[in-house]
Structures are given as C-alpha cells and as structure tokens.
Amino acid sequence: MALSVLTVALTAMGGLIGTLSMFVTPAAAQGCDQTGSAIQGNWVITTPQVCSGLFTVDGSITINAGGSLTLINGGLKFIQDLTHIYSLT
C-alpha cells in the first residue's frame, strides 16, 4: 500500500515538473559582438562576450564594468608599430 502511494506521488511530481519545464525559457548562449576575425578600431566591451577563434586587433580593447571577454580555442594578435600603440585594459 505504501509503495503504491509513493509510486503515485512520484509520478504526479514528475508530471508537474515536466509541465512546468515547458514554461521555462532556455538559457541563451552568450554571443560575440565581433562577426569577423579582424577587429578594426577600439572595442569597448560592456556585456559578457564569449568568442571563439583568433582575432587580429588593430585598436585597443577595453573591458568596462559589467563586461567580460572569454576566448575559446583562440586568442588575440595586436597589430602594433611605432605609430599604433594599443592596449588591453
């Protein structure tokens, strides 16, 4: 008897959880504002950025409050010479 009640209760809870999960919005993957591998000019980051690949940067990258930069399977290559001195801050 107790096993039957437990089985019915667990089945009902599973159905309720399944029904509620239909109304939960899926977590959105963080995107990357950069659409190509070449970044021209300064990039000011104010939101979380998740980017993959190698980026060639001809400018500065500044990460402000609320922003973050995560690079997956890649990195940053700065174009720099005597007239172009950039930074990562």
N, C-alpha and C. Protein backbone atom coordinates (compact mmCIF):
# COMPACT_ATOMS: atom_id res chain seq x y z
N MET A 1 0.83 -1.19 0.00
CA MET A 1 0.00 0.00 0.00
C MET A 1 0.88 1.26 0.00
N ALA A 2 1.87 1.31 0.90
CA ALA A 2 2.74 2.48 0.99
C ALA A 2 3.54 2.65 -0.29
N LEU A 3 3.94 1.53 -0.89
CA LEU A 3 4.70 1.59 -2.14
C LEU A 3 3.84 2.15 -3.26
N SER A 4 2.57 1.79 -3.29
CA SER A 4 1.66 2.30 -4.32
C SER A 4 1.46 3.80 -4.17
N VAL A 5 1.30 4.27 -2.93
CA VAL A 5 1.12 5.69 -2.68
C VAL A 5 2.38 6.46 -3.09
N LEU A 6 3.54 5.91 -2.76
CA LEU A 6 4.80 6.54 -3.13
C LEU A 6 4.96 6.60 -4.65
N THR A 7 4.59 5.54 -5.33
CA THR A 7 4.70 5.50 -6.79
C THR A 7 3.78 6.54 -7.43
N VAL A 8 2.56 6.65 -6.94
CA VAL A 8 1.62 7.63 -7.48
C VAL A 8 2.12 9.05 -7.20
N ALA A 9 2.64 9.29 -6.00
CA ALA A 9 3.12 10.62 -5.64
C ALA A 9 4.31 11.02 -6.51
N LEU A 10 5.26 10.11 -6.71
CA LEU A 10 6.42 10.42 -7.54
C LEU A 10 6.04 10.64 -9.00
N THR A 11 5.08 9.86 -9.49
CA THR A 11 4.61 10.04 -10.86
C THR A 11 3.94 11.40 -11.02
N ALA A 12 3.13 11.79 -10.05
CA ALA A 12 2.46 13.09 -10.11
C ALA A 12 3.47 14.23 -10.06
N MET A 13 4.48 14.10 -9.20
CA MET A 13 5.51 15.15 -9.10
C MET A 13 6.31 15.24 -10.40
N GLY A 14 6.61 14.10 -11.00
CA GLY A 14 7.33 14.11 -12.27
C GLY A 14 6.53 14.77 -13.37
N GLY A 15 5.23 14.51 -13.39
CA GLY A 15 4.36 15.15 -14.38
C GLY A 15 4.29 16.65 -14.17
N LEU A 16 4.23 17.07 -12.91
CA LEU A 16 4.18 18.50 -12.60
C LEU A 16 5.48 19.20 -13.01
N ILE A 17 6.59 18.58 -12.71
CA ILE A 17 7.89 19.16 -13.08
C ILE A 17 8.02 19.22 -14.60
N GLY A 18 7.58 18.18 -15.29
CA GLY A 18 7.62 18.17 -16.75
C GLY A 18 6.76 19.27 -17.35
N THR A 19 5.59 19.47 -16.78
CA THR A 19 4.69 20.52 -17.27
C THR A 19 5.28 21.90 -17.02
N LEU A 20 5.84 22.12 -15.84
CA LEU A 20 6.42 23.42 -15.53
C LEU A 20 7.65 23.71 -16.39
N SER A 21 8.39 22.69 -16.76
CA SER A 21 9.60 22.91 -17.56
C SER A 21 9.27 23.42 -18.97
N MET A 22 8.05 23.24 -19.42
CA MET A 22 7.66 23.75 -20.73
C MET A 22 7.61 25.27 -20.74
N PHE A 23 7.42 25.89 -19.57
CA PHE A 23 7.28 27.33 -19.49
C PHE A 23 8.57 28.05 -19.14
N VAL A 24 9.63 27.32 -18.91
CA VAL A 24 10.92 27.92 -18.58
C VAL A 24 11.62 28.27 -19.88
N THR A 25 12.11 29.51 -19.97
CA THR A 25 12.84 29.90 -21.17
C THR A 25 14.25 29.33 -21.10
N PRO A 26 14.74 28.81 -22.20
CA PRO A 26 16.09 28.24 -22.19
C PRO A 26 17.13 29.33 -22.01
N ALA A 27 18.24 28.98 -21.41
CA ALA A 27 19.33 29.93 -21.22
C ALA A 27 19.93 30.26 -22.57
N ALA A 28 20.08 31.53 -22.82
CA ALA A 28 20.66 31.96 -24.09
C ALA A 28 22.18 31.90 -24.01
N ALA A 29 22.77 31.40 -25.05
CA ALA A 29 24.23 31.36 -25.10
C ALA A 29 24.74 32.79 -25.27
N GLN A 30 25.82 33.07 -24.60
CA GLN A 30 26.43 34.39 -24.74
C GLN A 30 27.01 34.50 -26.14
N GLY A 31 26.88 35.67 -26.71
CA GLY A 31 27.37 35.87 -28.06
C GLY A 31 28.65 36.67 -28.09
N CYS A 32 29.08 36.92 -29.29
CA CYS A 32 30.28 37.71 -29.52
C CYS A 32 29.90 38.85 -30.46
N ASP A 33 30.20 40.08 -30.06
CA ASP A 33 29.88 41.24 -30.89
C ASP A 33 30.68 41.26 -32.18
N GLN A 34 31.82 40.59 -32.19
CA GLN A 34 32.69 40.60 -33.37
C GLN A 34 32.24 39.51 -34.34
N THR A 35 31.96 39.90 -35.57
CA THR A 35 31.48 38.93 -36.55
C THR A 35 32.60 38.36 -37.41
N GLY A 36 33.73 39.02 -37.43
CA GLY A 36 34.85 38.54 -38.23
C GLY A 36 36.10 38.40 -37.38
N SER A 37 37.17 37.93 -38.00
CA SER A 37 38.40 37.71 -37.24
C SER A 37 39.27 38.96 -37.17
N ALA A 38 38.95 39.99 -37.94
CA ALA A 38 39.73 41.24 -37.92
C ALA A 38 38.94 42.32 -37.19
N ILE A 39 39.52 42.87 -36.13
CA ILE A 39 38.88 43.92 -35.36
C ILE A 39 39.58 45.23 -35.70
N GLN A 40 38.86 46.14 -36.35
CA GLN A 40 39.40 47.44 -36.73
C GLN A 40 38.89 48.49 -35.75
N GLY A 41 39.78 49.25 -35.15
CA GLY A 41 39.36 50.29 -34.21
C GLY A 41 39.24 49.74 -32.80
N ASN A 42 38.80 50.59 -31.90
CA ASN A 42 38.71 50.21 -30.49
C ASN A 42 37.45 49.40 -30.23
N TRP A 43 37.57 48.42 -29.36
CA TRP A 43 36.45 47.57 -28.97
C TRP A 43 36.23 47.79 -27.48
N VAL A 44 35.10 48.41 -27.12
CA VAL A 44 34.74 48.64 -25.73
C VAL A 44 33.69 47.60 -25.36
N ILE A 45 34.02 46.76 -24.39
CA ILE A 45 33.15 45.65 -24.00
C ILE A 45 32.39 46.04 -22.73
N THR A 46 31.06 46.02 -22.81
CA THR A 46 30.23 46.38 -21.66
C THR A 46 29.30 45.24 -21.24
N THR A 47 29.29 44.16 -22.01
CA THR A 47 28.47 42.99 -21.70
C THR A 47 29.34 41.74 -21.82
N PRO A 48 28.94 40.63 -21.24
CA PRO A 48 29.74 39.41 -21.37
C PRO A 48 29.86 38.99 -22.84
N GLN A 49 31.07 38.69 -23.26
CA GLN A 49 31.36 38.27 -24.63
C GLN A 49 32.04 36.91 -24.58
N VAL A 50 31.52 35.96 -25.35
CA VAL A 50 32.14 34.65 -25.48
C VAL A 50 32.46 34.47 -26.96
N CYS A 51 33.74 34.50 -27.30
CA CYS A 51 34.18 34.47 -28.69
C CYS A 51 35.12 33.29 -28.91
N SER A 52 35.09 32.75 -30.10
CA SER A 52 36.00 31.65 -30.42
C SER A 52 36.82 32.01 -31.64
N GLY A 53 38.05 31.56 -31.65
CA GLY A 53 38.93 31.80 -32.78
C GLY A 53 39.99 32.84 -32.46
N LEU A 54 40.87 33.04 -33.43
CA LEU A 54 41.96 34.01 -33.32
C LEU A 54 41.51 35.34 -33.91
N PHE A 55 41.70 36.42 -33.16
CA PHE A 55 41.30 37.75 -33.60
C PHE A 55 42.54 38.61 -33.80
N THR A 56 42.62 39.28 -34.95
CA THR A 56 43.67 40.25 -35.22
C THR A 56 43.10 41.62 -34.90
N VAL A 57 43.73 42.31 -33.95
CA VAL A 57 43.19 43.56 -33.42
C VAL A 57 44.04 44.73 -33.88
N ASP A 58 43.40 45.69 -34.56
CA ASP A 58 44.06 46.93 -34.96
C ASP A 58 43.36 48.05 -34.18
N GLY A 59 43.60 48.08 -32.87
CA GLY A 59 42.96 49.03 -31.97
C GLY A 59 43.15 48.56 -30.54
N SER A 60 42.44 49.19 -29.62
CA SER A 60 42.52 48.83 -28.21
C SER A 60 41.27 48.07 -27.80
N ILE A 61 41.41 47.24 -26.78
CA ILE A 61 40.27 46.54 -26.20
C ILE A 61 40.13 47.02 -24.76
N THR A 62 38.96 47.53 -24.41
CA THR A 62 38.68 47.99 -23.05
C THR A 62 37.48 47.22 -22.53
N ILE A 63 37.62 46.62 -21.36
CA ILE A 63 36.52 45.89 -20.73
C ILE A 63 36.03 46.73 -19.56
N ASN A 64 34.81 47.27 -19.70
CA ASN A 64 34.22 48.12 -18.67
C ASN A 64 33.40 47.30 -17.69
N ALA A 65 32.86 47.97 -16.68
CA ALA A 65 32.03 47.32 -15.67
C ALA A 65 30.87 46.59 -16.35
N GLY A 66 30.62 45.38 -15.91
CA GLY A 66 29.55 44.57 -16.49
C GLY A 66 30.00 43.75 -17.69
N GLY A 67 31.19 44.02 -18.17
CA GLY A 67 31.68 43.30 -19.34
C GLY A 67 32.71 42.25 -18.98
N SER A 68 32.84 41.27 -19.84
CA SER A 68 33.87 40.25 -19.70
C SER A 68 34.16 39.69 -21.09
N LEU A 69 35.33 39.13 -21.24
CA LEU A 69 35.72 38.55 -22.52
C LEU A 69 36.27 37.16 -22.27
N THR A 70 35.63 36.17 -22.86
CA THR A 70 36.08 34.79 -22.78
C THR A 70 36.43 34.34 -24.19
N LEU A 71 37.66 33.89 -24.37
CA LEU A 71 38.11 33.39 -25.67
C LEU A 71 38.20 31.88 -25.60
N ILE A 72 37.57 31.22 -26.57
CA ILE A 72 37.56 29.76 -26.63
C ILE A 72 38.34 29.33 -27.86
N ASN A 73 39.33 28.50 -27.66
CA ASN A 73 40.15 27.98 -28.77
C ASN A 73 40.67 29.10 -29.66
N GLY A 74 41.26 30.11 -29.07
CA GLY A 74 41.76 31.21 -29.87
C GLY A 74 42.61 32.17 -29.07
N GLY A 75 42.69 33.39 -29.54
CA GLY A 75 43.49 34.39 -28.86
C GLY A 75 43.41 35.72 -29.57
N LEU A 76 44.26 36.64 -29.12
CA LEU A 76 44.32 37.99 -29.67
C LEU A 76 45.70 38.25 -30.24
N LYS A 77 45.75 38.86 -31.41
CA LYS A 77 47.01 39.27 -32.02
C LYS A 77 46.87 40.75 -32.33
N PHE A 78 47.66 41.59 -31.65
CA PHE A 78 47.59 43.03 -31.85
C PHE A 78 48.53 43.46 -32.96
N ILE A 79 48.02 44.30 -33.86
CA ILE A 79 48.86 44.93 -34.88
C ILE A 79 49.41 46.20 -34.24
N GLN A 80 50.72 46.25 -34.09
CA GLN A 80 51.31 47.37 -33.37
C GLN A 80 52.65 47.73 -33.99
N ASP A 81 52.86 49.02 -34.16
CA ASP A 81 54.15 49.52 -34.62
C ASP A 81 54.42 50.85 -33.91
N LEU A 82 55.36 51.62 -34.39
CA LEU A 82 55.71 52.86 -33.70
C LEU A 82 54.59 53.90 -33.73
N THR A 83 53.72 53.84 -34.71
CA THR A 83 52.63 54.82 -34.79
C THR A 83 51.32 54.29 -34.21
N HIS A 84 51.21 52.99 -34.03
CA HIS A 84 49.99 52.39 -33.49
C HIS A 84 50.34 51.63 -32.21
N ILE A 85 50.11 52.26 -31.08
CA ILE A 85 50.38 51.62 -29.80
C ILE A 85 49.04 51.42 -29.10
N TYR A 86 48.64 50.18 -28.94
CA TYR A 86 47.33 49.85 -28.40
C TYR A 86 47.45 49.19 -27.04
N SER A 87 46.30 48.94 -26.43
CA SER A 87 46.32 48.35 -25.09
C SER A 87 45.13 47.43 -24.89
N LEU A 88 45.26 46.62 -23.87
CA LEU A 88 44.18 45.75 -23.40
C LEU A 88 43.95 46.13 -21.95
N THR A 89 42.82 46.80 -21.67
CA THR A 89 42.54 47.26 -20.30
C THR A 89 41.20 46.77 -19.84
